[in-house]
Amino acid sequence: MNEKENPSGSPSVLDRVVDAGSHLPAPLAYGVLIIVCIVLLSIAPADLPQSIHVLFAVVVLATLVSYVYLDSEARQHRKSPEESIETLREAFARKTFDEPLPECKLQNWIDRFKGTCEEYDILKQLKESVDARGSDELKSQFADLRRHVDGYRDDIAKHLLKEIKFTERKKNGDIKFIPQEIEKDCEGHRNEIRRIVDGL
């Protein structure tokens, strides 16, 4: 669910405007909104009572102030592309993503699953920053990374979150997974995650 949705499940008009304006530089976003407010105030029917005009002006100006406040709050918490990349590199520097499944001596699959969940939460936190300030290339890499982390998490849950020990070994001592799709599915995502993060 979108974090900006209200309890009814529908994003408010103000949230939609904030989201649209967040992709513009602050002076431009605020300037456009001021122009919209002026237009709204100028098109009010002239034959309305003065009290209605005043009420309409107050509502428009209150909306403008609310927008500027919400938008400035959102911009303050947004990371630069460089900060987002550094956060990703630090977050994914862990055995969950560095160590291939066949080399996992402890076979602590629950910890590996928790690792994918924790990193997916970090990706959710960074999404707004990447969407608002990232290059097209970074947005594409970020989307691929989210997809593979989600897939890696699902495959670990599907194949490994149960009381099971793999006792068969390959000639080099690595775990021999049976069925082989366990290694193929999980390692496919892990390798892609490692490739994307290393390429940031």
C-alpha atoms as a PDB file:
ATOM      1  CA  MET A   1       0.000   0.000   0.000  1.00  0.00           C
ATOM      2  CA  ASN A   2       1.218   3.484  -0.797  1.00  0.00           C
ATOM      3  CA  GLU A   3       2.372   5.173   2.407  1.00  0.00           C
ATOM      4  CA  LYS A   4       0.608   8.362   1.309  1.00  0.00           C
ATOM      5  CA  GLU A   5      -2.852   6.850   1.079  1.00  0.00           C
ATOM      6  CA  ASN A   6      -5.501   7.922   3.534  1.00  0.00           C
ATOM      7  CA  PRO A   7      -7.495   5.355   5.552  1.00  0.00           C
ATOM      8  CA  SER A   8     -10.112   5.077   2.809  1.00  0.00           C
ATOM      9  CA  GLY A   9      -7.435   3.842   0.425  1.00  0.00           C
ATOM     10  CA  SER A  10      -7.625   6.858  -1.931  1.00  0.00           C
ATOM     11  CA  PRO A  11      -4.772   9.388  -2.052  1.00  0.00           C
ATOM     12  CA  SER A  12      -5.972  12.872  -1.142  1.00  0.00           C
ATOM     13  CA  VAL A  13      -5.832  15.665  -3.710  1.00  0.00           C
ATOM     14  CA  LEU A  14      -3.169  17.432  -1.660  1.00  0.00           C
ATOM     15  CA  ASP A  15      -1.041  14.273  -1.533  1.00  0.00           C
ATOM     16  CA  ARG A  16      -1.319  13.958  -5.315  1.00  0.00           C
ATOM     17  CA  VAL A  17      -0.222  17.566  -5.769  1.00  0.00           C
ATOM     18  CA  VAL A  18       2.685  17.138  -3.344  1.00  0.00           C
ATOM     19  CA  ASP A  19       3.795  14.010  -5.177  1.00  0.00           C
ATOM     20  CA  ALA A  20       3.618  15.728  -8.581  1.00  0.00           C
ATOM     21  CA  GLY A  21       5.420  18.850  -7.371  1.00  0.00           C
ATOM     22  CA  SER A  22       8.151  16.877  -5.619  1.00  0.00           C
ATOM     23  CA  HIS A  23       9.768  16.143  -8.966  1.00  0.00           C
ATOM     24  CA  LEU A  24      10.246  19.863  -9.686  1.00  0.00           C
ATOM     25  CA  PRO A  25      12.776  22.252  -8.106  1.00  0.00           C
ATOM     26  CA  ALA A  26      11.168  23.944  -5.091  1.00  0.00           C
ATOM     27  CA  PRO A  27      10.996  27.497  -6.577  1.00  0.00           C
ATOM     28  CA  LEU A  28       9.344  26.192  -9.746  1.00  0.00           C
ATOM     29  CA  ALA A  29       6.889  23.959  -7.865  1.00  0.00           C
ATOM     30  CA  TYR A  30       5.861  26.780  -5.530  1.00  0.00           C
ATOM     31  CA  GLY A  31       5.662  29.295  -8.367  1.00  0.00           C
ATOM     32  CA  VAL A  32       3.331  27.075 -10.382  1.00  0.00           C
ATOM     33  CA  LEU A  33       1.085  26.543  -7.370  1.00  0.00           C
ATOM     34  CA  ILE A  34       0.918  30.300  -6.650  1.00  0.00           C
ATOM     35  CA  ILE A  35      -0.152  30.900 -10.260  1.00  0.00           C
ATOM     36  CA  VAL A  36      -2.834  28.207  -9.919  1.00  0.00           C
ATOM     37  CA  CYS A  37      -4.089  29.862  -6.717  1.00  0.00           C
ATOM     38  CA  ILE A  38      -4.254  33.273  -8.413  1.00  0.00           C
ATOM     39  CA  VAL A  39      -6.195  31.765 -11.325  1.00  0.00           C
ATOM     40  CA  LEU A  40      -8.618  30.036  -8.935  1.00  0.00           C
ATOM     41  CA  LEU A  41      -9.222  33.263  -7.045  1.00  0.00           C
ATOM     42  CA  SER A  42      -9.733  35.255 -10.259  1.00  0.00           C
ATOM     43  CA  ILE A  43     -12.341  32.905 -11.751  1.00  0.00           C
ATOM     44  CA  ALA A  44     -14.672  33.008  -8.758  1.00  0.00           C
ATOM     45  CA  PRO A  45     -18.063  34.403  -9.900  1.00  0.00           C
ATOM     46  CA  ALA A  46     -18.286  38.139  -9.257  1.00  0.00           C
ATOM     47  CA  ASP A  47     -21.904  38.001  -8.078  1.00  0.00           C
ATOM     48  CA  LEU A  48     -21.084  35.846  -5.045  1.00  0.00           C
ATOM     49  CA  PRO A  49     -21.344  37.477  -1.606  1.00  0.00           C
ATOM     50  CA  GLN A  50     -18.125  38.979  -0.310  1.00  0.00           C
ATOM     51  CA  SER A  51     -18.079  36.512   2.605  1.00  0.00           C
ATOM     52  CA  ILE A  52     -18.012  33.608   0.130  1.00  0.00           C
ATOM     53  CA  HIS A  53     -15.129  35.240  -1.744  1.00  0.00           C
ATOM     54  CA  VAL A  54     -13.224  35.644   1.506  1.00  0.00           C
ATOM     55  CA  LEU A  55     -13.935  32.034   2.526  1.00  0.00           C
ATOM     56  CA  PHE A  56     -12.804  30.773  -0.888  1.00  0.00           C
ATOM     57  CA  ALA A  57      -9.601  32.846  -0.648  1.00  0.00           C
ATOM     58  CA  VAL A  58      -8.887  31.469   2.836  1.00  0.00           C
ATOM     59  CA  VAL A  59      -9.364  27.885   1.656  1.00  0.00           C
ATOM     60  CA  VAL A  60      -7.064  28.407  -1.350  1.00  0.00           C
ATOM     61  CA  LEU A  61      -4.363  30.104   0.723  1.00  0.00           C
ATOM     62  CA  ALA A  62      -4.606  27.460   3.475  1.00  0.00           C
ATOM     63  CA  THR A  63      -4.125  24.785   0.843  1.00  0.00           C
ATOM     64  CA  LEU A  64      -1.090  26.642  -0.488  1.00  0.00           C
ATOM     65  CA  VAL A  65       0.460  26.893   2.987  1.00  0.00           C
ATOM     66  CA  SER A  66      -0.253  23.206   3.684  1.00  0.00           C
ATOM     67  CA  TYR A  67       1.345  22.210   0.404  1.00  0.00           C
ATOM     68  CA  VAL A  68       4.492  24.253   1.031  1.00  0.00           C
ATOM     69  CA  TYR A  69       4.805  22.783   4.538  1.00  0.00           C
ATOM     70  CA  LEU A  70       4.316  19.160   3.454  1.00  0.00           C
ATOM     71  CA  ASP A  71       6.573  19.547   0.439  1.00  0.00           C
ATOM     72  CA  SER A  72       9.393  21.173   2.404  1.00  0.00           C
ATOM     73  CA  GLU A  73       9.182  18.399   5.015  1.00  0.00           C
ATOM     74  CA  ALA A  74       9.415  15.759   2.294  1.00  0.00           C
ATOM     75  CA  ARG A  75      12.365  17.501   0.596  1.00  0.00           C
ATOM     76  CA  GLN A  76      14.306  17.700   3.873  1.00  0.00           C
ATOM     77  CA  HIS A  77      14.141  13.910   4.315  1.00  0.00           C
ATOM     78  CA  ARG A  78      15.104  13.141   0.729  1.00  0.00           C
ATOM     79  CA  LYS A  79      18.597  11.823   0.070  1.00  0.00           C
ATOM     80  CA  SER A  80      20.792  12.910  -2.808  1.00  0.00           C
ATOM     81  CA  PRO A  81      21.596  10.241  -5.447  1.00  0.00           C
ATOM     82  CA  GLU A  82      25.083   9.913  -3.951  1.00  0.00           C
ATOM     83  CA  GLU A  83      23.652   9.385  -0.451  1.00  0.00           C
ATOM     84  CA  SER A  84      21.146   6.830  -1.759  1.00  0.00           C
ATOM     85  CA  ILE A  85      23.890   4.868  -3.514  1.00  0.00           C
ATOM     86  CA  GLU A  86      26.106   4.918  -0.414  1.00  0.00           C
ATOM     87  CA  THR A  87      23.176   3.713   1.716  1.00  0.00           C
ATOM     88  CA  LEU A  88      22.561   0.850  -0.717  1.00  0.00           C
ATOM     89  CA  ARG A  89      26.206  -0.196  -0.804  1.00  0.00           C
ATOM     90  CA  GLU A  90      26.400  -0.261   2.980  1.00  0.00           C
ATOM     91  CA  ALA A  91      23.067  -2.071   3.351  1.00  0.00           C
ATOM     92  CA  PHE A  92      23.942  -4.844   0.900  1.00  0.00           C
ATOM     93  CA  ALA A  93      27.437  -5.467   2.268  1.00  0.00           C
ATOM     94  CA  ARG A  94      26.355  -8.538   4.220  1.00  0.00           C
ATOM     95  CA  LYS A  95      26.608 -12.320   3.900  1.00  0.00           C
ATOM     96  CA  THR A  96      22.979 -12.580   2.818  1.00  0.00           C
ATOM     97  CA  PHE A  97      24.049 -11.108  -0.530  1.00  0.00           C
ATOM     98  CA  ASP A  98      27.801 -11.756  -0.622  1.00  0.00           C
ATOM     99  CA  GLU A  99      27.868 -15.451   0.260  1.00  0.00           C
ATOM    100  CA  PRO A 100      26.536 -17.959  -2.311  1.00  0.00           C
ATOM    101  CA  LEU A 101      24.032 -20.431  -0.885  1.00  0.00           C
ATOM    102  CA  PRO A 102      26.214 -23.509  -1.477  1.00  0.00           C
ATOM    103  CA  GLU A 103      28.990 -21.943   0.641  1.00  0.00           C
ATOM    104  CA  CYS A 104      26.700 -21.263   3.632  1.00  0.00           C
ATOM    105  CA  LYS A 105      28.239 -23.524   6.283  1.00  0.00           C
ATOM    106  CA  LEU A 106      25.756 -22.630   9.040  1.00  0.00           C
ATOM    107  CA  GLN A 107      22.686 -23.025   6.827  1.00  0.00           C
ATOM    108  CA  ASN A 108      20.961 -20.263   8.809  1.00  0.00           C
ATOM    109  CA  TRP A 109      18.200 -19.702   6.291  1.00  0.00           C
ATOM    110  CA  ILE A 110      15.963 -17.745   8.663  1.00  0.00           C
ATOM    111  CA  ASP A 111      18.702 -15.138   9.176  1.00  0.00           C
ATOM    112  CA  ARG A 112      19.165 -14.929   5.420  1.00  0.00           C
ATOM    113  CA  PHE A 113      15.426 -14.418   4.975  1.00  0.00           C
ATOM    114  CA  LYS A 114      15.418 -11.682   7.642  1.00  0.00           C
ATOM    115  CA  GLY A 115      18.271 -10.006   5.783  1.00  0.00           C
ATOM    116  CA  THR A 116      16.237  -9.798   2.586  1.00  0.00           C
ATOM    117  CA  CYS A 117      13.267  -8.376   4.516  1.00  0.00           C
ATOM    118  CA  GLU A 118      15.433  -5.720   6.186  1.00  0.00           C
ATOM    119  CA  GLU A 119      16.969  -4.635   2.893  1.00  0.00           C
ATOM    120  CA  TYR A 120      13.576  -4.501   1.201  1.00  0.00           C
ATOM    121  CA  ASP A 121      12.440  -2.113   3.946  1.00  0.00           C
ATOM    122  CA  ILE A 122      15.469   0.076   3.216  1.00  0.00           C
ATOM    123  CA  LEU A 123      14.559   0.060  -0.478  1.00  0.00           C
ATOM    124  CA  LYS A 124      11.032   1.218   0.386  1.00  0.00           C
ATOM    125  CA  GLN A 125      12.480   4.079   2.453  1.00  0.00           C
ATOM    126  CA  LEU A 126      14.776   5.152  -0.399  1.00  0.00           C
ATOM    127  CA  LYS A 127      12.176   4.944  -3.158  1.00  0.00           C
ATOM    128  CA  GLU A 128      10.910   8.505  -2.787  1.00  0.00           C
ATOM    129  CA  SER A 129      14.458   9.902  -2.856  1.00  0.00           C
ATOM    130  CA  VAL A 130      15.396   7.899  -5.951  1.00  0.00           C
ATOM    131  CA  ASP A 131      12.138   8.736  -7.744  1.00  0.00           C
ATOM    132  CA  ALA A 132      12.504  12.449  -7.038  1.00  0.00           C
ATOM    133  CA  ARG A 133      16.250  12.966  -7.497  1.00  0.00           C
ATOM    134  CA  GLY A 134      17.729   9.934  -9.218  1.00  0.00           C
ATOM    135  CA  SER A 135      18.815   9.729 -12.852  1.00  0.00           C
ATOM    136  CA  ASP A 136      16.907   7.506 -15.273  1.00  0.00           C
ATOM    137  CA  GLU A 137      19.723   4.955 -15.004  1.00  0.00           C
ATOM    138  CA  LEU A 138      19.590   4.936 -11.199  1.00  0.00           C
ATOM    139  CA  LYS A 139      15.782   4.594 -11.247  1.00  0.00           C
ATOM    140  CA  SER A 140      16.080   1.618 -13.604  1.00  0.00           C
ATOM    141  CA  GLN A 141      18.773  -0.042 -11.466  1.00  0.00           C
ATOM    142  CA  PHE A 142      16.736   0.635  -8.335  1.00  0.00           C
ATOM    143  CA  ALA A 143      13.613  -0.947  -9.843  1.00  0.00           C
ATOM    144  CA  ASP A 144      15.622  -4.036 -10.869  1.00  0.00           C
ATOM    145  CA  LEU A 145      17.143  -4.241  -7.398  1.00  0.00           C
ATOM    146  CA  ARG A 146      13.737  -4.116  -5.711  1.00  0.00           C
ATOM    147  CA  ARG A 147      12.431  -6.823  -8.035  1.00  0.00           C
ATOM    148  CA  HIS A 148      15.353  -9.168  -7.329  1.00  0.00           C
ATOM    149  CA  VAL A 149      15.346  -8.585  -3.563  1.00  0.00           C
ATOM    150  CA  ASP A 150      11.627  -9.343  -3.536  1.00  0.00           C
ATOM    151  CA  GLY A 151      12.191 -12.464  -5.649  1.00  0.00           C
ATOM    152  CA  TYR A 152      15.148 -13.601  -3.525  1.00  0.00           C
ATOM    153  CA  ARG A 153      13.056 -13.201  -0.373  1.00  0.00           C
ATOM    154  CA  ASP A 154      10.155 -15.148  -1.879  1.00  0.00           C
ATOM    155  CA  ASP A 155      12.403 -17.983  -3.094  1.00  0.00           C
ATOM    156  CA  ILE A 156      14.102 -18.341   0.291  1.00  0.00           C
ATOM    157  CA  ALA A 157      10.675 -18.490   1.934  1.00  0.00           C
ATOM    158  CA  LYS A 158       9.460 -21.026  -0.632  1.00  0.00           C
ATOM    159  CA  HIS A 159      12.431 -23.390  -0.523  1.00  0.00           C
ATOM    160  CA  LEU A 160      14.283 -22.943   2.756  1.00  0.00           C
ATOM    161  CA  LEU A 161      12.066 -21.728   5.595  1.00  0.00           C
ATOM    162  CA  LYS A 162      11.595 -25.141   7.106  1.00  0.00           C
ATOM    163  CA  GLU A 163      13.556 -27.451   9.340  1.00  0.00           C
ATOM    164  CA  ILE A 164      15.896 -28.989   6.812  1.00  0.00           C
ATOM    165  CA  LYS A 165      19.613 -29.715   6.536  1.00  0.00           C
ATOM    166  CA  PHE A 166      21.308 -30.523   3.253  1.00  0.00           C
ATOM    167  CA  THR A 167      23.883 -33.201   3.940  1.00  0.00           C
ATOM    168  CA  GLU A 168      25.051 -33.991   0.427  1.00  0.00           C
ATOM    169  CA  ARG A 169      28.174 -32.184  -0.721  1.00  0.00           C
ATOM    170  CA  LYS A 170      29.802 -31.429  -4.035  1.00  0.00           C
ATOM    171  CA  LYS A 171      33.402 -32.454  -4.691  1.00  0.00           C
ATOM    172  CA  ASN A 172      34.603 -28.998  -3.607  1.00  0.00           C
ATOM    173  CA  GLY A 173      32.713 -29.259  -0.286  1.00  0.00           C
ATOM    174  CA  ASP A 174      29.860 -26.914  -1.202  1.00  0.00           C
ATOM    175  CA  ILE A 175      26.279 -27.866  -0.358  1.00  0.00           C
ATOM    176  CA  LYS A 176      24.492 -29.912  -3.010  1.00  0.00           C
ATOM    177  CA  PHE A 177      20.914 -28.670  -3.105  1.00  0.00           C
ATOM    178  CA  ILE A 178      18.197 -31.137  -4.040  1.00  0.00           C
ATOM    179  CA  PRO A 179      16.144 -30.188  -5.929  1.00  0.00           C
ATOM    180  CA  GLN A 180      18.574 -28.065  -7.913  1.00  0.00           C
ATOM    181  CA  GLU A 181      15.981 -25.310  -8.492  1.00  0.00           C
ATOM    182  CA  ILE A 182      16.603 -24.140  -4.903  1.00  0.00           C
ATOM    183  CA  GLU A 183      20.121 -23.009  -5.771  1.00  0.00           C
ATOM    184  CA  LYS A 184      19.126 -21.841  -9.245  1.00  0.00           C
ATOM    185  CA  ASP A 185      16.241 -19.649  -8.039  1.00  0.00           C
ATOM    186  CA  CYS A 186      17.900 -18.100  -4.983  1.00  0.00           C
ATOM    187  CA  GLU A 187      21.349 -17.675  -6.513  1.00  0.00           C
ATOM    188  CA  GLY A 188      19.881 -16.129  -9.641  1.00  0.00           C
ATOM    189  CA  HIS A 189      18.431 -13.278  -7.595  1.00  0.00           C
ATOM    190  CA  ARG A 190      21.426 -13.000  -5.238  1.00  0.00           C
ATOM    191  CA  ASN A 191      23.863 -12.697  -8.131  1.00  0.00           C
ATOM    192  CA  GLU A 192      21.725 -10.029  -9.825  1.00  0.00           C
ATOM    193  CA  ILE A 193      21.473  -8.060  -6.569  1.00  0.00           C
ATOM    194  CA  ARG A 194      25.235  -8.219  -6.153  1.00  0.00           C
ATOM    195  CA  ARG A 195      25.778  -7.134  -9.779  1.00  0.00           C
ATOM    196  CA  ILE A 196      23.396  -4.171  -9.520  1.00  0.00           C
ATOM    197  CA  VAL A 197      24.768  -2.897  -6.189  1.00  0.00           C
ATOM    198  CA  ASP A 198      28.383  -3.307  -7.340  1.00  0.00           C
ATOM    199  CA  GLY A 199      27.531  -1.379 -10.507  1.00  0.00           C
ATOM    200  CA  LEU A 200      26.025   1.640  -8.705  1.00  0.00           C
END
